[in-house]
Amino acid sequence: MTTARVEANTVEANLEALVEFVERHPRLAVLGGAGISTASGIPDYRDAAGAWKRSPPMQHRQFMGSHAARQRYWARALVGFRTLGDARPNAAHRSLAQLERLGHVSGLITQNVDGLHQRAGSRRVIDLHGRADRVRCMGCGANRMRHALHAELEGLNPHWATTGAAAAPDGDADLEADFSAFRVPECSRCGDGIWKPDVVFFGDSVPRDVVERAFALIEACDALLVVGSSLMVYSGFRFARAAARQGKPIACLNRGHTRADDLYTLKVEASVEASLGALIRRLEARVAEGRLNRRPA
């Protein structure tokens, strides 16, 4: 048998195993990561071995403690957020939304901050690390949409609007320059508050209510499906560990090494978009043939 045929047979067997996994577990929790959004043009941080592809992102303490760090962050964000702001849901987002509509998904915990799952139609989404399209004053708690702050930043720093650089994963850019003259506005409500994206920076803690909702989803599910995540960050890995402690099967659809490789019942190393699309087609075919009942979403 040729290598190509062996690989094709392996892919076919893995897809069939994934279909059977979903069929066996009617209340599925999904834990998703950056690998779901890369086809939408949003880069990820890690390679197939789980190592950093670029410098680690902004640290919470650094952002809060240094005006220079905030100048650097918002200047880079003014350039790089265009990619995240213009991104559209891809086939993987749409397939996960359809999986929910078919009644197979009880809820989705996403480590991404792009909001693309909701735009694709997923309704039961827990934004573990927040949403990048909103900003919050760290002094008084005021909220505003990020595009409004960016309009203000452009008005204060007009020449930065035409600067070009490669986009980074969380809405900033791979850009080094002299940021010392970049003007960052303070909160107009309290007068001196720091505007911060409404996301969990590295070194910060996920809000307790969000963690509790995610653990409640794991508690209520029959099994966990990890999609597009290396789970190298503990904030996501802990939910796979919790599912394993509860004796719940875990399947993974992700290329390369993950932190939870020893916890999986099934691991499929293949394209996220293609595999989820094939999964949906097979489940819908089985519904049409009467071999599988469509569950209420």
Protein backbone atom coordinates (compact mmCIF):
# COMPACT_ATOMS: atom_id res chain seq x y z
CA MET A 1 0.00 0.00 0.00
CA THR A 2 1.40 3.44 -0.94
CA THR A 3 2.13 6.08 1.67
CA ALA A 4 -0.57 8.35 0.21
CA ARG A 5 -3.16 5.58 0.55
CA VAL A 6 -2.10 4.82 4.12
CA GLU A 7 -2.43 8.49 5.00
CA ALA A 8 -5.85 8.68 3.33
CA ASN A 9 -7.01 5.60 5.21
CA THR A 10 -5.74 7.10 8.48
CA VAL A 11 -7.59 10.36 7.88
CA GLU A 12 -10.75 8.44 7.03
CA ALA A 13 -10.47 6.32 10.17
CA ASN A 14 -9.85 9.37 12.34
CA LEU A 15 -12.86 11.19 10.91
CA GLU A 16 -15.06 8.17 11.49
CA ALA A 17 -13.78 7.90 15.05
CA LEU A 18 -14.58 11.60 15.59
CA VAL A 19 -18.12 11.12 14.25
CA GLU A 20 -18.62 8.16 16.59
CA PHE A 21 -17.23 10.19 19.53
CA VAL A 22 -19.78 12.96 18.92
CA GLU A 23 -22.62 10.47 18.45
CA ARG A 24 -21.81 8.68 21.71
CA HIS A 25 -21.77 11.87 23.77
CA PRO A 26 -24.94 13.94 23.28
CA ARG A 27 -23.91 16.73 25.66
CA LEU A 28 -20.57 17.84 24.33
CA ALA A 29 -18.50 20.73 25.69
CA VAL A 30 -16.04 22.33 23.25
CA LEU A 31 -12.80 24.02 24.32
CA GLY A 32 -11.40 26.07 21.45
CA GLY A 33 -8.22 28.00 20.79
CA ALA A 34 -6.28 30.10 18.31
CA GLY A 35 -6.11 27.32 15.71
CA ILE A 36 -9.80 27.89 14.97
CA SER A 37 -9.23 31.51 13.89
CA THR A 38 -6.02 31.24 11.88
CA ALA A 39 -8.00 30.64 8.66
CA SER A 40 -9.68 34.01 9.31
CA GLY A 41 -6.29 35.67 9.02
CA ILE A 42 -5.61 35.99 12.75
CA PRO A 43 -2.14 34.59 13.55
CA ASP A 44 -1.48 32.32 16.51
CA TYR A 45 1.30 32.44 19.08
CA ARG A 46 2.66 28.89 19.07
CA ASP A 47 4.08 26.38 16.61
CA ALA A 48 3.27 22.68 16.29
CA ALA A 49 5.63 21.87 19.17
CA GLY A 50 3.88 24.35 21.46
CA ALA A 51 6.79 26.83 21.44
CA TRP A 52 6.43 30.59 20.98
CA LYS A 53 6.52 31.80 17.35
CA ARG A 54 7.04 35.42 18.46
CA SER A 55 7.71 37.40 21.58
CA PRO A 56 5.22 36.66 24.38
CA PRO A 57 2.30 39.12 24.54
CA MET A 58 1.81 42.05 26.88
CA GLN A 59 1.92 41.26 30.59
CA HIS A 60 -0.82 42.68 32.84
CA ARG A 61 1.58 44.11 35.41
CA GLN A 62 3.71 45.71 32.70
CA PHE A 63 0.68 47.35 31.06
CA MET A 64 -0.71 48.69 34.33
CA GLY A 65 2.62 49.86 35.73
CA SER A 66 4.24 51.59 32.78
CA HIS A 67 2.99 54.51 30.68
CA ALA A 68 5.66 53.65 28.10
CA ALA A 69 4.30 50.10 27.88
CA ARG A 70 0.80 51.47 27.26
CA GLN A 71 2.13 53.82 24.59
CA ARG A 72 3.79 50.88 22.87
CA TYR A 73 0.70 48.69 23.19
CA TRP A 74 -1.83 51.22 21.86
CA ALA A 75 0.42 52.36 19.00
CA ARG A 76 0.87 48.77 17.89
CA ALA A 77 -2.84 48.10 18.39
CA LEU A 78 -3.80 51.07 16.25
CA VAL A 79 -1.90 49.38 13.43
CA GLY A 80 -2.60 45.70 14.09
CA PHE A 81 -6.23 45.72 15.20
CA ARG A 82 -7.35 46.27 11.62
CA THR A 83 -6.68 42.59 10.92
CA LEU A 84 -8.69 41.38 13.90
CA GLY A 85 -11.44 43.95 13.36
CA ASP A 86 -11.84 42.99 9.69
CA ALA A 87 -11.72 39.22 10.32
CA ARG A 88 -14.74 37.11 9.38
CA PRO A 89 -15.81 33.68 10.67
CA ASN A 90 -14.33 30.80 8.72
CA ALA A 91 -15.55 27.28 8.01
CA ALA A 92 -14.44 26.03 11.45
CA HIS A 93 -16.50 28.66 13.27
CA ARG A 94 -19.52 27.91 11.09
CA SER A 95 -19.18 24.15 11.62
CA LEU A 96 -19.07 24.52 15.40
CA ALA A 97 -22.17 26.74 15.25
CA GLN A 98 -23.90 24.10 13.13
CA LEU A 99 -22.82 21.40 15.59
CA GLU A 100 -24.63 23.38 18.28
CA ARG A 101 -27.73 23.79 16.08
CA LEU A 102 -27.78 20.04 15.49
CA GLY A 103 -27.98 19.62 19.27
CA HIS A 104 -24.56 18.10 19.88
CA VAL A 105 -22.87 21.00 21.72
CA SER A 106 -23.94 22.11 25.19
CA GLY A 107 -21.52 25.02 25.22
CA LEU A 108 -18.23 26.35 23.92
CA ILE A 109 -15.34 27.73 25.97
CA THR A 110 -13.16 29.86 23.73
CA GLN A 111 -9.69 31.11 24.58
CA ASN A 112 -9.92 33.54 21.65
CA VAL A 113 -10.92 37.17 22.07
CA ASP A 114 -12.12 37.86 18.52
CA GLY A 115 -15.86 37.20 18.94
CA LEU A 116 -15.99 35.14 15.74
CA HIS A 117 -17.88 32.23 17.28
CA GLN A 118 -20.82 34.49 18.11
CA ARG A 119 -20.73 36.05 14.64
CA ALA A 120 -20.84 32.55 13.13
CA GLY A 121 -24.01 31.76 15.09
CA SER A 122 -22.82 29.97 18.22
CA ARG A 123 -25.06 30.98 21.12
CA ARG A 124 -23.62 29.21 24.17
CA VAL A 125 -20.16 30.78 24.21
CA ILE A 126 -18.00 31.47 27.25
CA ASP A 127 -15.33 34.07 26.39
CA LEU A 128 -12.67 32.80 28.77
CA HIS A 129 -10.20 35.59 28.06
CA GLY A 130 -12.67 38.38 27.34
CA ARG A 131 -13.46 40.30 24.15
CA ALA A 132 -11.01 42.46 22.24
CA ASP A 133 -13.73 44.63 20.72
CA ARG A 134 -14.40 46.31 24.08
CA VAL A 135 -12.25 48.39 26.44
CA ARG A 136 -12.64 49.09 30.14
CA CYS A 137 -11.41 51.83 32.45
CA MET A 138 -9.33 50.27 35.20
CA GLY A 139 -10.17 53.18 37.49
CA CYS A 140 -13.96 53.56 37.41
CA GLY A 141 -15.00 50.49 35.40
CA ALA A 142 -16.50 52.46 32.49
CA ASN A 143 -16.89 50.46 29.26
CA ARG A 144 -16.80 51.54 25.64
CA MET A 145 -16.45 49.90 22.25
CA ARG A 146 -12.88 49.62 21.10
CA HIS A 147 -13.50 51.24 17.72
CA ALA A 148 -14.51 54.45 19.53
CA LEU A 149 -11.22 54.51 21.46
CA HIS A 150 -9.28 53.80 18.27
CA ALA A 151 -11.00 56.75 16.57
CA GLU A 152 -9.82 58.92 19.46
CA LEU A 153 -6.31 57.47 19.23
CA GLU A 154 -6.21 58.21 15.49
CA GLY A 155 -7.30 61.78 16.14
CA LEU A 156 -4.50 62.26 18.66
CA ASN A 157 -1.89 60.42 16.56
CA PRO A 158 -2.90 60.91 12.90
CA HIS A 159 0.36 59.76 11.29
CA TRP A 160 0.07 56.32 12.92
CA ALA A 161 -3.10 55.56 10.93
CA THR A 162 -1.04 54.91 7.78
CA THR A 163 1.70 52.84 9.43
CA GLY A 164 1.98 49.27 8.17
CA ALA A 165 3.17 46.16 10.01
CA ALA A 166 2.39 42.46 10.29
CA ALA A 167 -0.56 41.68 12.57
CA ALA A 168 -0.04 39.85 15.86
CA PRO A 169 -2.57 37.43 17.43
CA ASP A 170 -4.47 39.62 19.89
CA GLY A 171 -5.01 42.73 17.80
CA ASP A 172 -1.62 44.41 18.04
CA ALA A 173 1.24 44.38 15.52
CA ASP A 174 4.81 43.17 15.18
CA LEU A 175 6.18 46.71 15.18
CA GLU A 176 9.15 48.38 16.85
CA ALA A 177 9.53 52.15 16.74
CA ASP A 178 9.92 55.21 18.94
CA PHE A 179 6.60 55.30 20.79
CA SER A 180 7.53 58.07 23.23
CA ALA A 181 5.43 60.73 21.48
CA PHE A 182 2.34 58.55 21.10
CA ARG A 183 -0.59 60.11 22.96
CA VAL A 184 -2.85 57.82 25.01
CA PRO A 185 -6.11 59.35 26.30
CA GLU A 186 -7.26 58.88 29.87
CA CYS A 187 -10.84 58.04 30.84
CA SER A 188 -13.03 61.13 30.46
CA ARG A 189 -15.46 59.82 33.06
CA CYS A 190 -13.08 59.62 36.03
CA GLY A 191 -10.34 61.86 34.66
CA ASP A 192 -7.28 59.67 35.06
CA GLY A 193 -8.31 56.04 34.54
CA ILE A 194 -6.31 53.68 32.32
CA TRP A 195 -8.10 52.28 29.27
CA LYS A 196 -7.37 48.56 28.87
CA PRO A 197 -8.78 46.07 26.38
CA ASP A 198 -11.47 43.99 28.08
CA VAL A 199 -9.29 40.89 27.78
CA VAL A 200 -7.19 38.85 30.18
CA PHE A 201 -3.54 39.73 29.63
CA PHE A 202 -0.81 37.25 30.55
CA GLY A 203 -0.23 37.40 34.29
CA ASP A 204 -3.81 38.49 34.95
CA SER A 205 -6.61 36.28 36.32
CA VAL A 206 -9.75 35.15 34.53
CA PRO A 207 -12.80 36.63 36.35
CA ARG A 208 -14.20 34.20 38.91
CA ASP A 209 -17.71 34.14 37.46
CA VAL A 210 -16.32 33.20 34.03
CA VAL A 211 -14.26 30.36 35.54
CA GLU A 212 -17.28 29.10 37.47
CA ARG A 213 -19.45 29.09 34.34
CA ALA A 214 -16.78 27.13 32.45
CA PHE A 215 -16.38 24.57 35.24
CA ALA A 216 -20.18 24.22 35.41
CA LEU A 217 -20.21 23.42 31.69
CA ILE A 218 -17.56 20.74 32.18
CA GLU A 219 -19.52 19.32 35.10
CA ALA A 220 -22.72 19.08 33.03
CA CYS A 221 -21.20 17.68 29.83
CA ASP A 222 -20.80 14.06 28.78
CA ALA A 223 -17.44 14.63 27.08
CA LEU A 224 -15.01 17.35 26.02
CA LEU A 225 -13.82 18.19 22.52
CA VAL A 226 -10.63 20.30 22.31
CA VAL A 227 -10.29 22.12 18.98
CA GLY A 228 -7.36 24.17 17.72
CA SER A 229 -5.53 24.61 21.02
CA SER A 230 -2.20 23.45 22.40
CA LEU A 231 -3.56 24.11 25.92
CA MET A 232 -0.13 25.39 26.94
CA VAL A 233 -1.76 28.14 28.99
CA TYR A 234 -3.09 26.88 32.31
CA SER A 235 -6.32 28.89 32.08
CA GLY A 236 -7.47 26.53 29.32
CA PHE A 237 -5.62 23.36 30.32
CA ARG A 238 -7.37 23.21 33.72
CA PHE A 239 -10.70 22.41 32.06
CA ALA A 240 -9.24 19.41 30.24
CA ARG A 241 -7.72 18.28 33.53
CA ALA A 242 -11.08 18.73 35.30
CA ALA A 243 -12.86 16.64 32.65
CA ALA A 244 -10.24 13.91 33.00
CA ARG A 245 -10.60 13.90 36.81
CA GLN A 246 -14.34 13.45 36.38
CA GLY A 247 -13.75 10.45 34.12
CA LYS A 248 -15.13 12.17 31.04
CA PRO A 249 -13.73 11.25 27.61
CA ILE A 250 -11.73 13.93 25.82
CA ALA A 251 -11.17 14.15 22.06
CA CYS A 252 -8.75 16.59 20.45
CA LEU A 253 -8.67 18.04 16.94
CA ASN A 254 -5.35 19.85 16.69
CA ARG A 255 -2.10 19.56 14.77
CA GLY A 256 1.01 19.14 16.88
CA HIS A 257 1.85 18.72 20.55
CA THR A 258 -0.55 19.81 23.29
CA ARG A 259 -0.17 19.97 27.06
CA ALA A 260 -3.00 17.43 27.50
CA ASP A 261 -1.82 14.76 25.06
CA ASP A 262 -1.85 12.10 27.79
CA LEU A 263 -5.50 12.84 28.67
CA TYR A 264 -7.15 12.20 25.31
CA THR A 265 -9.36 9.29 24.37
CA LEU A 266 -8.97 10.33 20.73
CA LYS A 267 -6.62 12.74 18.99
CA VAL A 268 -7.06 13.76 15.36
CA GLU A 269 -4.12 15.65 13.84
CA ALA A 270 -5.68 17.19 10.75
CA SER A 271 -7.03 20.46 9.39
CA VAL A 272 -9.54 21.96 11.80
CA GLU A 273 -11.70 23.46 9.03
CA ALA A 274 -11.73 20.38 6.79
CA SER A 275 -12.28 17.92 9.63
CA LEU A 276 -15.14 19.84 11.22
CA GLY A 277 -16.75 20.28 7.81
CA ALA A 278 -16.51 16.55 7.14
CA LEU A 279 -17.89 15.84 10.62
CA ILE A 280 -20.96 18.01 9.96
CA ARG A 281 -21.60 16.44 6.57
CA ARG A 282 -21.47 12.94 8.00
CA LEU A 283 -23.72 13.76 10.94
CA GLU A 284 -26.26 15.44 8.66
CA ALA A 285 -26.15 12.46 6.28
CA ARG A 286 -26.89 10.12 9.15
CA VAL A 287 -29.82 12.29 10.22
CA ALA A 288 -31.14 12.23 6.64
CA GLU A 289 -30.79 8.44 6.53
CA GLY A 290 -32.61 8.08 9.85
CA ARG A 291 -29.56 6.58 11.55
CA LEU A 292 -29.22 9.51 13.94
CA ASN A 293 -31.91 11.65 15.52
CA ARG A 294 -31.51 15.40 15.33
CA ARG A 295 -31.41 16.74 18.87
CA PRO A 296 -33.04 20.01 19.86
CA ALA A 297 -30.45 22.78 20.15
